[in-house]
Amino acid sequence: MTDQLQELLTRVYEEGVNKAKTEADALLEKARAEAATLIQQAQNEAEKITADAKKQAAELAKNTDSDLKMAAQQTLSAVKQKLTDVFLDKAFDPDLKAATTDPAFLKTLIPQIISAWKESGGKITLAKDLEGKLEDHFLKTLQGSLAKGLQVEFSPQMKTGFAISPADGSYKLSFTDEDFGNLFKSYLRPRTNKILFQQ
């Protein structure tokens, strides 16, 4: 009986061990399958993150390149504009300043402008520096025969040239070295750009 009991115990033990081993193998296989699934999911996620990062990096590089090209173009345009302005300033400013402070030139120019003046009366403002350099006869001619009621005044705000305005002061036509310079430069700028930069 002891032998039978021992045999029974041995069989139960072996069945238990076999069952436990089978369950352990099944659990191990399930764990391996879950681990393989998790690894695959992690690899897929890593590939997606890498692909997104590459795409964002490519977009950033493209945008940066585009921004750099635009900034370079704007800088080049600004430099060309500045060089053109410097060239035109050197070419015109000294002579224009001299002309608009020269009483002989103004005695020729002012009557021509006044003769085209459509307003009756008004005011002509001359640079304060010209006071005493224009003869009284010329000033009286301006006030009298060229435009009835035209007042002549000298102003310290006027550095060169002159300005003319109607009696009501609603507008003012200015003829300074800067005004003439801007007028000439606006016409000459495209041609100067073409000469300087072969555009």
N, C-alpha and C. Protein backbone atom coordinates (compact mmCIF):
# COMPACT_ATOMS: atom_id res chain seq x y z
N MET A 1 0.82 -1.17 0.00
CA MET A 1 0.00 0.00 0.00
C MET A 1 0.87 1.24 0.00
N THR A 2 1.91 1.16 0.66
CA THR A 2 2.82 2.28 0.68
C THR A 2 3.38 2.49 -0.71
N ASP A 3 3.62 1.37 -1.39
CA ASP A 3 4.14 1.50 -2.75
C ASP A 3 3.10 2.14 -3.65
N GLN A 4 1.87 1.78 -3.47
CA GLN A 4 0.82 2.35 -4.31
C GLN A 4 0.66 3.84 -4.01
N LEU A 5 0.77 4.14 -2.74
CA LEU A 5 0.65 5.53 -2.35
C LEU A 5 1.81 6.33 -2.92
N GLN A 6 2.98 5.69 -2.83
CA GLN A 6 4.16 6.37 -3.37
C GLN A 6 4.02 6.54 -4.87
N GLU A 7 3.52 5.55 -5.54
CA GLU A 7 3.33 5.60 -6.99
C GLU A 7 2.30 6.67 -7.33
N LEU A 8 1.24 6.72 -6.55
CA LEU A 8 0.19 7.72 -6.78
C LEU A 8 0.74 9.11 -6.58
N LEU A 9 1.51 9.28 -5.54
CA LEU A 9 2.11 10.59 -5.26
C LEU A 9 3.08 10.97 -6.39
N THR A 10 3.83 10.03 -6.84
CA THR A 10 4.78 10.31 -7.91
C THR A 10 4.04 10.70 -9.18
N ARG A 11 2.95 9.97 -9.51
CA ARG A 11 2.19 10.29 -10.72
C ARG A 11 1.54 11.66 -10.61
N VAL A 12 0.96 11.98 -9.43
CA VAL A 12 0.32 13.30 -9.23
C VAL A 12 1.39 14.39 -9.35
N TYR A 13 2.53 14.10 -8.77
CA TYR A 13 3.62 15.08 -8.82
C TYR A 13 4.05 15.32 -10.26
N GLU A 14 4.23 14.22 -11.02
CA GLU A 14 4.67 14.35 -12.40
C GLU A 14 3.61 15.04 -13.24
N GLU A 15 2.36 14.72 -13.01
CA GLU A 15 1.27 15.38 -13.75
C GLU A 15 1.25 16.86 -13.42
N GLY A 16 1.43 17.18 -12.14
CA GLY A 16 1.45 18.59 -11.71
C GLY A 16 2.60 19.33 -12.33
N VAL A 17 3.77 18.66 -12.33
CA VAL A 17 4.96 19.29 -12.92
C VAL A 17 4.75 19.48 -14.41
N ASN A 18 4.22 18.45 -15.07
CA ASN A 18 3.97 18.55 -16.51
C ASN A 18 2.95 19.63 -16.83
N LYS A 19 1.88 19.65 -16.01
CA LYS A 19 0.85 20.66 -16.22
C LYS A 19 1.44 22.05 -15.99
N ALA A 20 2.21 22.21 -14.93
CA ALA A 20 2.84 23.50 -14.62
C ALA A 20 3.80 23.88 -15.73
N LYS A 21 4.56 22.87 -16.24
CA LYS A 21 5.50 23.16 -17.33
C LYS A 21 4.75 23.58 -18.57
N THR A 22 3.63 22.90 -18.88
CA THR A 22 2.83 23.25 -20.05
C THR A 22 2.27 24.66 -19.90
N GLU A 23 1.74 24.95 -18.70
CA GLU A 23 1.19 26.30 -18.46
C GLU A 23 2.31 27.35 -18.53
N ALA A 24 3.46 27.00 -17.97
CA ALA A 24 4.59 27.92 -18.01
C ALA A 24 5.03 28.16 -19.44
N ASP A 25 5.08 27.08 -20.24
CA ASP A 25 5.46 27.22 -21.65
C ASP A 25 4.44 28.09 -22.38
N ALA A 26 3.14 27.88 -22.09
CA ALA A 26 2.08 28.67 -22.73
C ALA A 26 2.20 30.13 -22.33
N LEU A 27 2.45 30.38 -21.03
CA LEU A 27 2.62 31.76 -20.55
C LEU A 27 3.85 32.40 -21.18
N LEU A 28 4.90 31.62 -21.25
CA LEU A 28 6.14 32.12 -21.85
C LEU A 28 5.93 32.45 -23.33
N GLU A 29 5.22 31.56 -24.03
CA GLU A 29 4.93 31.81 -25.46
C GLU A 29 4.05 33.03 -25.63
N LYS A 30 3.05 33.19 -24.74
CA LYS A 30 2.17 34.35 -24.79
C LYS A 30 2.96 35.63 -24.50
N ALA A 31 3.87 35.55 -23.52
CA ALA A 31 4.71 36.71 -23.18
C ALA A 31 5.62 37.07 -24.34
N ARG A 32 6.18 36.03 -24.99
CA ARG A 32 7.04 36.28 -26.15
C ARG A 32 6.25 36.93 -27.28
N ALA A 33 5.02 36.44 -27.51
CA ALA A 33 4.17 37.00 -28.58
C ALA A 33 3.82 38.46 -28.26
N GLU A 34 3.46 38.73 -26.99
CA GLU A 34 3.14 40.10 -26.60
C GLU A 34 4.37 40.99 -26.70
N ALA A 35 5.52 40.46 -26.30
CA ALA A 35 6.76 41.22 -26.39
C ALA A 35 7.08 41.53 -27.85
N ALA A 36 6.90 40.53 -28.74
CA ALA A 36 7.15 40.73 -30.16
C ALA A 36 6.20 41.80 -30.72
N THR A 37 4.93 41.77 -30.28
CA THR A 37 3.94 42.77 -30.72
C THR A 37 4.34 44.16 -30.23
N LEU A 38 4.74 44.23 -28.95
CA LEU A 38 5.16 45.53 -28.39
C LEU A 38 6.40 46.07 -29.10
N ILE A 39 7.34 45.15 -29.38
CA ILE A 39 8.56 45.57 -30.09
C ILE A 39 8.20 46.09 -31.48
N GLN A 40 7.31 45.37 -32.17
CA GLN A 40 6.89 45.79 -33.52
C GLN A 40 6.19 47.15 -33.47
N GLN A 41 5.29 47.31 -32.46
CA GLN A 41 4.61 48.59 -32.32
C GLN A 41 5.61 49.72 -32.03
N ALA A 42 6.57 49.44 -31.17
CA ALA A 42 7.59 50.45 -30.84
C ALA A 42 8.42 50.79 -32.08
N GLN A 43 8.77 49.75 -32.88
CA GLN A 43 9.52 50.00 -34.10
C GLN A 43 8.69 50.83 -35.09
N ASN A 44 7.41 50.49 -35.21
CA ASN A 44 6.52 51.25 -36.11
C ASN A 44 6.41 52.71 -35.65
N GLU A 45 6.24 52.90 -34.35
CA GLU A 45 6.14 54.25 -33.79
C GLU A 45 7.46 55.03 -34.00
N ALA A 46 8.57 54.33 -33.79
CA ALA A 46 9.88 54.97 -33.99
C ALA A 46 10.05 55.37 -35.45
N GLU A 47 9.65 54.49 -36.38
CA GLU A 47 9.75 54.80 -37.81
C GLU A 47 8.86 55.99 -38.17
N LYS A 48 7.66 56.03 -37.57
CA LYS A 48 6.74 57.15 -37.84
C LYS A 48 7.33 58.46 -37.30
N ILE A 49 7.86 58.40 -36.09
CA ILE A 49 8.47 59.60 -35.48
C ILE A 49 9.66 60.06 -36.33
N THR A 50 10.48 59.10 -36.77
CA THR A 50 11.64 59.43 -37.60
C THR A 50 11.19 60.05 -38.93
N ALA A 51 10.17 59.44 -39.55
CA ALA A 51 9.67 59.97 -40.82
C ALA A 51 9.11 61.38 -40.64
N ASP A 52 8.33 61.59 -39.55
CA ASP A 52 7.79 62.93 -39.28
C ASP A 52 8.91 63.94 -39.04
N ALA A 53 9.92 63.51 -38.29
CA ALA A 53 11.04 64.42 -38.00
C ALA A 53 11.79 64.77 -39.28
N LYS A 54 11.99 63.79 -40.16
CA LYS A 54 12.67 64.06 -41.44
C LYS A 54 11.83 65.01 -42.30
N LYS A 55 10.51 64.79 -42.30
CA LYS A 55 9.62 65.65 -43.08
C LYS A 55 9.66 67.08 -42.54
N GLN A 56 9.59 67.23 -41.22
CA GLN A 56 9.66 68.57 -40.61
C GLN A 56 11.01 69.22 -40.87
N ALA A 57 12.07 68.43 -40.79
CA ALA A 57 13.41 68.97 -41.06
C ALA A 57 13.53 69.43 -42.51
N ALA A 58 12.97 68.64 -43.43
CA ALA A 58 13.00 69.01 -44.85
C ALA A 58 12.20 70.30 -45.08
N GLU A 59 11.03 70.41 -44.45
CA GLU A 59 10.22 71.63 -44.58
C GLU A 59 10.95 72.83 -43.99
N LEU A 60 11.56 72.63 -42.83
CA LEU A 60 12.31 73.72 -42.19
C LEU A 60 13.47 74.15 -43.07
N ALA A 61 14.18 73.19 -43.63
CA ALA A 61 15.31 73.52 -44.52
C ALA A 61 14.81 74.27 -45.75
N LYS A 62 13.69 73.81 -46.31
CA LYS A 62 13.12 74.48 -47.49
C LYS A 62 12.70 75.90 -47.16
N ASN A 63 11.99 76.08 -46.02
CA ASN A 63 11.53 77.41 -45.62
C ASN A 63 12.72 78.32 -45.30
N THR A 64 13.73 77.77 -44.63
CA THR A 64 14.92 78.56 -44.29
C THR A 64 15.63 78.99 -45.57
N ASP A 65 15.77 78.07 -46.51
CA ASP A 65 16.41 78.39 -47.78
C ASP A 65 15.63 79.48 -48.51
N SER A 66 14.31 79.34 -48.53
CA SER A 66 13.46 80.34 -49.18
C SER A 66 13.59 81.70 -48.49
N ASP A 67 13.57 81.70 -47.15
CA ASP A 67 13.72 82.96 -46.39
C ASP A 67 15.08 83.60 -46.64
N LEU A 68 16.12 82.76 -46.68
CA LEU A 68 17.47 83.29 -46.92
C LEU A 68 17.58 83.90 -48.32
N LYS A 69 16.99 83.20 -49.31
CA LYS A 69 17.02 83.74 -50.68
C LYS A 69 16.28 85.07 -50.75
N MET A 70 15.11 85.14 -50.09
CA MET A 70 14.34 86.37 -50.11
C MET A 70 15.10 87.50 -49.39
N ALA A 71 15.70 87.18 -48.24
CA ALA A 71 16.47 88.20 -47.51
C ALA A 71 17.67 88.66 -48.33
N ALA A 72 18.34 87.73 -49.01
CA ALA A 72 19.48 88.09 -49.85
C ALA A 72 19.04 88.99 -51.00
N GLN A 73 17.89 88.66 -51.60
CA GLN A 73 17.37 89.47 -52.71
C GLN A 73 17.01 90.88 -52.22
N GLN A 74 16.35 90.95 -51.06
CA GLN A 74 15.98 92.26 -50.51
C GLN A 74 17.22 93.07 -50.15
N THR A 75 18.22 92.41 -49.58
CA THR A 75 19.46 93.11 -49.23
C THR A 75 20.16 93.61 -50.49
N LEU A 76 20.23 92.77 -51.52
CA LEU A 76 20.85 93.17 -52.77
C LEU A 76 20.11 94.36 -53.39
N SER A 77 18.78 94.30 -53.37
CA SER A 77 17.98 95.41 -53.92
C SER A 77 18.22 96.69 -53.13
N ALA A 78 18.28 96.56 -51.80
CA ALA A 78 18.52 97.75 -50.95
C ALA A 78 19.90 98.33 -51.21
N VAL A 79 20.90 97.47 -51.38
CA VAL A 79 22.27 97.95 -51.65
C VAL A 79 22.32 98.64 -53.02
N LYS A 80 21.67 98.03 -54.01
CA LYS A 80 21.64 98.66 -55.34
C LYS A 80 20.94 100.01 -55.29
N GLN A 81 19.82 100.07 -54.56
CA GLN A 81 19.08 101.33 -54.41
C GLN A 81 19.95 102.38 -53.74
N LYS A 82 20.66 101.99 -52.69
CA LYS A 82 21.51 102.93 -51.97
C LYS A 82 22.66 103.41 -52.85
N LEU A 83 23.27 102.50 -53.59
CA LEU A 83 24.36 102.89 -54.50
C LEU A 83 23.86 103.85 -55.58
N THR A 84 22.68 103.57 -56.11
CA THR A 84 22.10 104.45 -57.12
C THR A 84 21.84 105.82 -56.52
N ASP A 85 21.28 105.85 -55.30
CA ASP A 85 21.00 107.14 -54.63
C ASP A 85 22.29 107.92 -54.38
N VAL A 86 23.33 107.22 -53.93
CA VAL A 86 24.61 107.88 -53.67
C VAL A 86 25.17 108.46 -54.97
N PHE A 87 25.11 107.67 -56.04
CA PHE A 87 25.60 108.13 -57.34
C PHE A 87 24.82 109.37 -57.81
N LEU A 88 23.49 109.31 -57.74
CA LEU A 88 22.67 110.44 -58.18
C LEU A 88 22.87 111.65 -57.27
N ASP A 89 23.01 111.42 -55.96
CA ASP A 89 23.25 112.54 -55.04
C ASP A 89 24.55 113.25 -55.39
N LYS A 90 25.60 112.47 -55.65
CA LYS A 90 26.89 113.07 -55.99
C LYS A 90 26.80 113.81 -57.33
N ALA A 91 26.00 113.28 -58.24
CA ALA A 91 25.90 113.88 -59.57
C ALA A 91 25.08 115.17 -59.57
N PHE A 92 24.03 115.24 -58.74
CA PHE A 92 23.10 116.37 -58.83
C PHE A 92 23.10 117.33 -57.67
N ASP A 93 23.22 116.84 -56.46
CA ASP A 93 22.98 117.70 -55.30
C ASP A 93 23.83 118.97 -55.25
N PRO A 94 25.14 118.90 -55.48
CA PRO A 94 25.91 120.15 -55.39
C PRO A 94 25.46 121.21 -56.40
N ASP A 95 25.23 120.79 -57.66
CA ASP A 95 24.82 121.74 -58.69
C ASP A 95 23.41 122.27 -58.45
N LEU A 96 22.51 121.41 -57.98
CA LEU A 96 21.14 121.87 -57.71
C LEU A 96 21.12 122.87 -56.56
N LYS A 97 21.90 122.59 -55.54
CA LYS A 97 21.96 123.51 -54.40
C LYS A 97 22.51 124.86 -54.86
N ALA A 98 23.55 124.82 -55.69
CA ALA A 98 24.12 126.07 -56.19
C ALA A 98 23.12 126.81 -57.06
N ALA A 99 22.38 126.08 -57.92
CA ALA A 99 21.41 126.73 -58.81
C ALA A 99 20.27 127.36 -58.03
N THR A 100 19.76 126.66 -57.00
CA THR A 100 18.60 127.18 -56.27
C THR A 100 18.97 128.25 -55.25
N THR A 101 20.26 128.54 -55.12
CA THR A 101 20.68 129.67 -54.28
C THR A 101 21.27 130.80 -55.14
N ASP A 102 21.34 130.59 -56.46
CA ASP A 102 21.89 131.59 -57.37
C ASP A 102 20.81 132.60 -57.76
N PRO A 103 20.96 133.86 -57.38
CA PRO A 103 19.95 134.86 -57.70
C PRO A 103 19.70 135.01 -59.20
N ALA A 104 20.74 134.89 -60.03
CA ALA A 104 20.56 135.03 -61.48
C ALA A 104 19.66 133.93 -62.03
N PHE A 105 19.88 132.70 -61.57
CA PHE A 105 19.04 131.58 -62.02
C PHE A 105 17.59 131.78 -61.56
N LEU A 106 17.41 132.17 -60.31
CA LEU A 106 16.06 132.36 -59.78
C LEU A 106 15.34 133.50 -60.48
N LYS A 107 16.07 134.56 -60.89
CA LYS A 107 15.45 135.68 -61.62
C LYS A 107 14.92 135.23 -62.97
N THR A 108 15.51 134.18 -63.52
CA THR A 108 15.03 133.63 -64.79
C THR A 108 13.87 132.66 -64.56
N LEU A 109 14.01 131.82 -63.54
CA LEU A 109 13.03 130.76 -63.29
C LEU A 109 11.72 131.29 -62.71
N ILE A 110 11.81 132.15 -61.71
CA ILE A 110 10.61 132.60 -61.00
C ILE A 110 9.61 133.28 -61.93
N PRO A 111 10.00 134.22 -62.80
CA PRO A 111 9.01 134.84 -63.69
C PRO A 111 8.32 133.84 -64.61
N GLN A 112 9.05 132.81 -65.05
CA GLN A 112 8.43 131.81 -65.92
C GLN A 112 7.36 131.02 -65.15
N ILE A 113 7.65 130.70 -63.92
CA ILE A 113 6.67 129.95 -63.11
C ILE A 113 5.47 130.85 -62.77
N ILE A 114 5.75 132.08 -62.42
CA ILE A 114 4.66 133.01 -62.06
C ILE A 114 3.77 133.28 -63.26
N SER A 115 4.34 133.34 -64.47
CA SER A 115 3.53 133.61 -65.66
C SER A 115 2.55 132.47 -65.92
N ALA A 116 2.88 131.27 -65.46
CA ALA A 116 1.96 130.13 -65.60
C ALA A 116 1.02 130.00 -64.40
N TRP A 117 1.19 130.84 -63.41
CA TRP A 117 0.39 130.81 -62.18
C TRP A 117 -1.05 131.21 -62.51
N LYS A 118 -1.98 130.35 -62.23
CA LYS A 118 -3.39 130.58 -62.58
C LYS A 118 -4.15 131.33 -61.49
N GLU A 119 -3.59 131.37 -60.30
CA GLU A 119 -4.27 132.02 -59.19
C GLU A 119 -4.07 133.54 -59.28
N SER A 120 -5.00 134.28 -58.73
CA SER A 120 -4.77 135.71 -58.59
C SER A 120 -4.29 135.93 -57.17
N GLY A 121 -3.21 136.63 -57.06
CA GLY A 121 -2.64 136.85 -55.74
C GLY A 121 -1.90 135.63 -55.26
N GLY A 122 -1.76 135.58 -53.96
CA GLY A 122 -1.04 134.48 -53.36
C GLY A 122 0.24 134.97 -52.71
N LYS A 123 1.12 134.02 -52.47
CA LYS A 123 2.35 134.37 -51.77
C LYS A 123 3.50 133.56 -52.33
N ILE A 124 4.63 134.24 -52.56
CA ILE A 124 5.86 133.55 -52.94
C ILE A 124 6.82 133.71 -51.77
N THR A 125 7.36 132.58 -51.33
CA THR A 125 8.28 132.56 -50.19
C THR A 125 9.66 132.21 -50.70
N LEU A 126 10.61 133.09 -50.41
CA LEU A 126 12.00 132.88 -50.84
C LEU A 126 12.88 132.58 -49.64
N ALA A 127 14.02 131.93 -49.91
CA ALA A 127 14.97 131.63 -48.84
C ALA A 127 15.48 132.92 -48.22
N LYS A 128 15.62 132.94 -46.92
CA LYS A 128 16.09 134.11 -46.18
C LYS A 128 17.46 134.56 -46.69
N ASP A 129 18.28 133.60 -47.13
CA ASP A 129 19.62 133.93 -47.63
C ASP A 129 19.58 134.81 -48.88
N LEU A 130 18.44 134.79 -49.60
CA LEU A 130 18.34 135.58 -50.83
C LEU A 130 17.96 137.03 -50.56
N GLU A 131 17.55 137.31 -49.35
CA GLU A 131 17.15 138.69 -49.02
C GLU A 131 18.35 139.60 -49.20
N GLY A 132 18.18 140.65 -49.95
CA GLY A 132 19.27 141.58 -50.24
C GLY A 132 20.05 141.20 -51.48
N LYS A 133 19.88 139.95 -51.99
CA LYS A 133 20.58 139.53 -53.20
C LYS A 133 19.72 139.72 -54.44
N LEU A 134 18.41 139.88 -54.24
CA LEU A 134 17.49 140.14 -55.35
C LEU A 134 17.13 141.63 -55.32
N GLU A 135 17.26 142.29 -56.47
CA GLU A 135 17.02 143.72 -56.51
C GLU A 135 15.56 144.05 -56.21
N ASP A 136 15.35 145.25 -55.68
CA ASP A 136 13.99 145.73 -55.39
C ASP A 136 13.15 145.77 -56.65
N HIS A 137 13.78 146.14 -57.77
CA HIS A 137 13.05 146.23 -59.04
C HIS A 137 12.46 144.86 -59.41
N PHE A 138 13.24 143.80 -59.24
CA PHE A 138 12.78 142.44 -59.54
C PHE A 138 11.62 142.05 -58.63
N LEU A 139 11.74 142.36 -57.34
CA LEU A 139 10.69 142.01 -56.38
C LEU A 139 9.40 142.78 -56.69
N LYS A 140 9.53 144.05 -57.07
CA LYS A 140 8.34 144.85 -57.41
C LYS A 140 7.70 144.33 -58.68
N THR A 141 8.50 143.86 -59.62
CA THR A 141 7.97 143.29 -60.86
C THR A 141 7.15 142.04 -60.54
N LEU A 142 7.66 141.23 -59.61
CA LEU A 142 6.91 140.03 -59.20
C LEU A 142 5.55 140.41 -58.63
N GLN A 143 5.53 141.38 -57.75
CA GLN A 143 4.29 141.77 -57.08
C GLN A 143 3.35 142.49 -58.03
N GLY A 144 3.88 143.18 -58.99
CA GLY A 144 3.04 144.01 -59.83
C GLY A 144 2.58 143.35 -61.10
N SER A 145 3.43 143.38 -62.11
CA SER A 145 3.01 143.00 -63.45
C SER A 145 2.78 141.50 -63.64
N LEU A 146 3.54 140.63 -62.96
CA LEU A 146 3.41 139.19 -63.22
C LEU A 146 2.18 138.57 -62.55
N ALA A 147 1.86 138.98 -61.38
CA ALA A 147 0.70 138.40 -60.69
C ALA A 147 0.14 139.45 -59.75
N LYS A 148 -1.07 139.89 -60.02
CA LYS A 148 -1.66 140.94 -59.19
C LYS A 148 -1.86 140.43 -57.77
N GLY A 149 -1.39 141.23 -56.84
CA GLY A 149 -1.60 140.91 -55.44
C GLY A 149 -0.67 139.84 -54.90
N LEU A 150 0.35 139.45 -55.64
CA LEU A 150 1.29 138.44 -55.14
C LEU A 150 2.18 139.06 -54.08
N GLN A 151 2.24 138.44 -52.92
CA GLN A 151 3.09 138.93 -51.83
C GLN A 151 4.41 138.16 -51.86
N VAL A 152 5.48 138.88 -51.58
CA VAL A 152 6.80 138.26 -51.54
C VAL A 152 7.30 138.32 -50.11
N GLU A 153 7.75 137.17 -49.61
CA GLU A 153 8.32 137.15 -48.25
C GLU A 153 9.56 136.27 -48.23
N PHE A 154 10.43 136.54 -47.28
CA PHE A 154 11.65 135.75 -47.09
C PHE A 154 11.48 134.99 -45.77
N SER A 155 11.80 133.70 -45.80
CA SER A 155 11.58 132.87 -44.61
C SER A 155 12.85 132.09 -44.24
N PRO A 156 13.17 132.05 -42.95
CA PRO A 156 14.32 131.25 -42.52
C PRO A 156 14.07 129.74 -42.66
N GLN A 157 12.79 129.32 -42.72
CA GLN A 157 12.49 127.89 -42.91
C GLN A 157 12.87 127.43 -44.32
N MET A 158 12.89 128.36 -45.26
CA MET A 158 13.23 128.04 -46.64
C MET A 158 14.74 128.14 -46.77
N LYS A 159 15.40 127.02 -46.98
CA LYS A 159 16.87 127.01 -47.05
C LYS A 159 17.38 127.35 -48.44
N THR A 160 16.72 126.83 -49.48
CA THR A 160 17.09 127.12 -50.86
C THR A 160 15.83 127.28 -51.68
N GLY A 161 15.96 127.91 -52.85
CA GLY A 161 14.84 127.99 -53.78
C GLY A 161 13.71 128.87 -53.28
N PHE A 162 12.48 128.46 -53.65
CA PHE A 162 11.30 129.24 -53.30
C PHE A 162 10.08 128.34 -53.31
N ALA A 163 8.96 128.90 -52.81
CA ALA A 163 7.68 128.20 -52.81
C ALA A 163 6.61 129.22 -53.14
N ILE A 164 5.55 128.75 -53.76
CA ILE A 164 4.44 129.63 -54.10
C ILE A 164 3.14 128.98 -53.65
N SER A 165 2.23 129.81 -53.12
CA SER A 165 0.95 129.28 -52.63
C SER A 165 -0.15 130.29 -52.90
N PRO A 166 -1.40 129.82 -53.07
CA PRO A 166 -2.50 130.75 -53.28
C PRO A 166 -2.79 131.54 -52.01
N ALA A 167 -3.62 132.58 -52.15
CA ALA A 167 -3.93 133.45 -51.01
C ALA A 167 -4.54 132.69 -49.85
N ASP A 168 -5.36 131.67 -50.14
CA ASP A 168 -6.02 130.92 -49.05
C ASP A 168 -5.08 129.89 -48.41
N GLY A 169 -3.89 129.69 -48.96
CA GLY A 169 -2.91 128.78 -48.38
C GLY A 169 -3.31 127.31 -48.45
N SER A 170 -4.22 126.97 -49.36
CA SER A 170 -4.72 125.59 -49.42
C SER A 170 -3.67 124.60 -49.93
N TYR A 171 -2.68 125.07 -50.64
CA TYR A 171 -1.60 124.20 -51.08
C TYR A 171 -0.35 125.04 -51.30
N LYS A 172 0.77 124.37 -51.54
CA LYS A 172 2.02 125.09 -51.76
C LYS A 172 2.84 124.32 -52.79
N LEU A 173 3.35 125.03 -53.78
CA LEU A 173 4.26 124.44 -54.76
C LEU A 173 5.67 124.82 -54.35
N SER A 174 6.51 123.84 -54.13
CA SER A 174 7.85 124.08 -53.62
C SER A 174 8.87 123.82 -54.73
N PHE A 175 9.88 124.70 -54.82
CA PHE A 175 10.93 124.59 -55.83
C PHE A 175 12.29 124.72 -55.15
N THR A 176 12.63 123.73 -54.33
CA THR A 176 13.92 123.75 -53.63
C THR A 176 14.88 122.80 -54.35
N ASP A 177 16.14 122.78 -53.94
CA ASP A 177 17.11 121.86 -54.53
C ASP A 177 16.66 120.41 -54.32
N GLU A 178 16.07 120.15 -53.17
CA GLU A 178 15.60 118.79 -52.87
C GLU A 178 14.44 118.40 -53.79
N ASP A 179 13.52 119.35 -54.04
CA ASP A 179 12.39 119.07 -54.93
C ASP A 179 12.87 118.77 -56.35
N PHE A 180 13.77 119.62 -56.86
CA PHE A 180 14.30 119.39 -58.20
C PHE A 180 15.09 118.08 -58.25
N GLY A 181 15.88 117.83 -57.21
CA GLY A 181 16.65 116.58 -57.14
C GLY A 181 15.74 115.36 -57.19
N ASN A 182 14.67 115.38 -56.40
CA ASN A 182 13.73 114.25 -56.40
C ASN A 182 13.08 114.07 -57.77
N LEU A 183 12.75 115.18 -58.41
CA LEU A 183 12.13 115.12 -59.74
C LEU A 183 13.10 114.49 -60.74
N PHE A 184 14.32 115.02 -60.81
CA PHE A 184 15.29 114.50 -61.77
C PHE A 184 15.66 113.05 -61.46
N LYS A 185 15.86 112.75 -60.20
CA LYS A 185 16.28 111.40 -59.80
C LYS A 185 15.21 110.36 -60.11
N SER A 186 13.94 110.74 -59.98
CA SER A 186 12.88 109.76 -60.28
C SER A 186 12.91 109.36 -61.75
N TYR A 187 13.28 110.29 -62.63
CA TYR A 187 13.38 109.97 -64.06
C TYR A 187 14.69 109.24 -64.38
N LEU A 188 15.75 109.58 -63.68
CA LEU A 188 17.06 109.02 -64.00
C LEU A 188 17.38 107.72 -63.28
N ARG A 189 16.66 107.40 -62.20
CA ARG A 189 16.96 106.20 -61.41
C ARG A 189 16.93 104.91 -62.25
N PRO A 190 15.87 104.66 -63.07
CA PRO A 190 15.86 103.41 -63.85
C PRO A 190 17.05 103.32 -64.82
N ARG A 191 17.36 104.41 -65.49
CA ARG A 191 18.48 104.42 -66.44
C ARG A 191 19.82 104.23 -65.70
N THR A 192 19.94 104.86 -64.54
CA THR A 192 21.17 104.73 -63.75
C THR A 192 21.35 103.29 -63.28
N ASN A 193 20.26 102.67 -62.81
CA ASN A 193 20.32 101.25 -62.42
C ASN A 193 20.81 100.38 -63.58
N LYS A 194 20.29 100.68 -64.76
CA LYS A 194 20.67 99.89 -65.94
C LYS A 194 22.16 100.06 -66.23
N ILE A 195 22.64 101.29 -66.12
CA ILE A 195 24.05 101.54 -66.38
C ILE A 195 24.93 100.91 -65.31
N LEU A 196 24.59 101.10 -64.05
CA LEU A 196 25.41 100.60 -62.95
C LEU A 196 25.41 99.09 -62.83
N PHE A 197 24.25 98.46 -63.06
CA PHE A 197 24.11 97.03 -62.76
C PHE A 197 23.77 96.19 -63.97
N GLN A 198 23.85 96.77 -65.16
CA GLN A 198 23.51 96.06 -66.42
C GLN A 198 22.19 95.30 -66.32
N GLN A 199 21.19 95.97 -65.79
CA GLN A 199 19.88 95.32 -65.64
C GLN A 199 19.00 95.63 -66.83
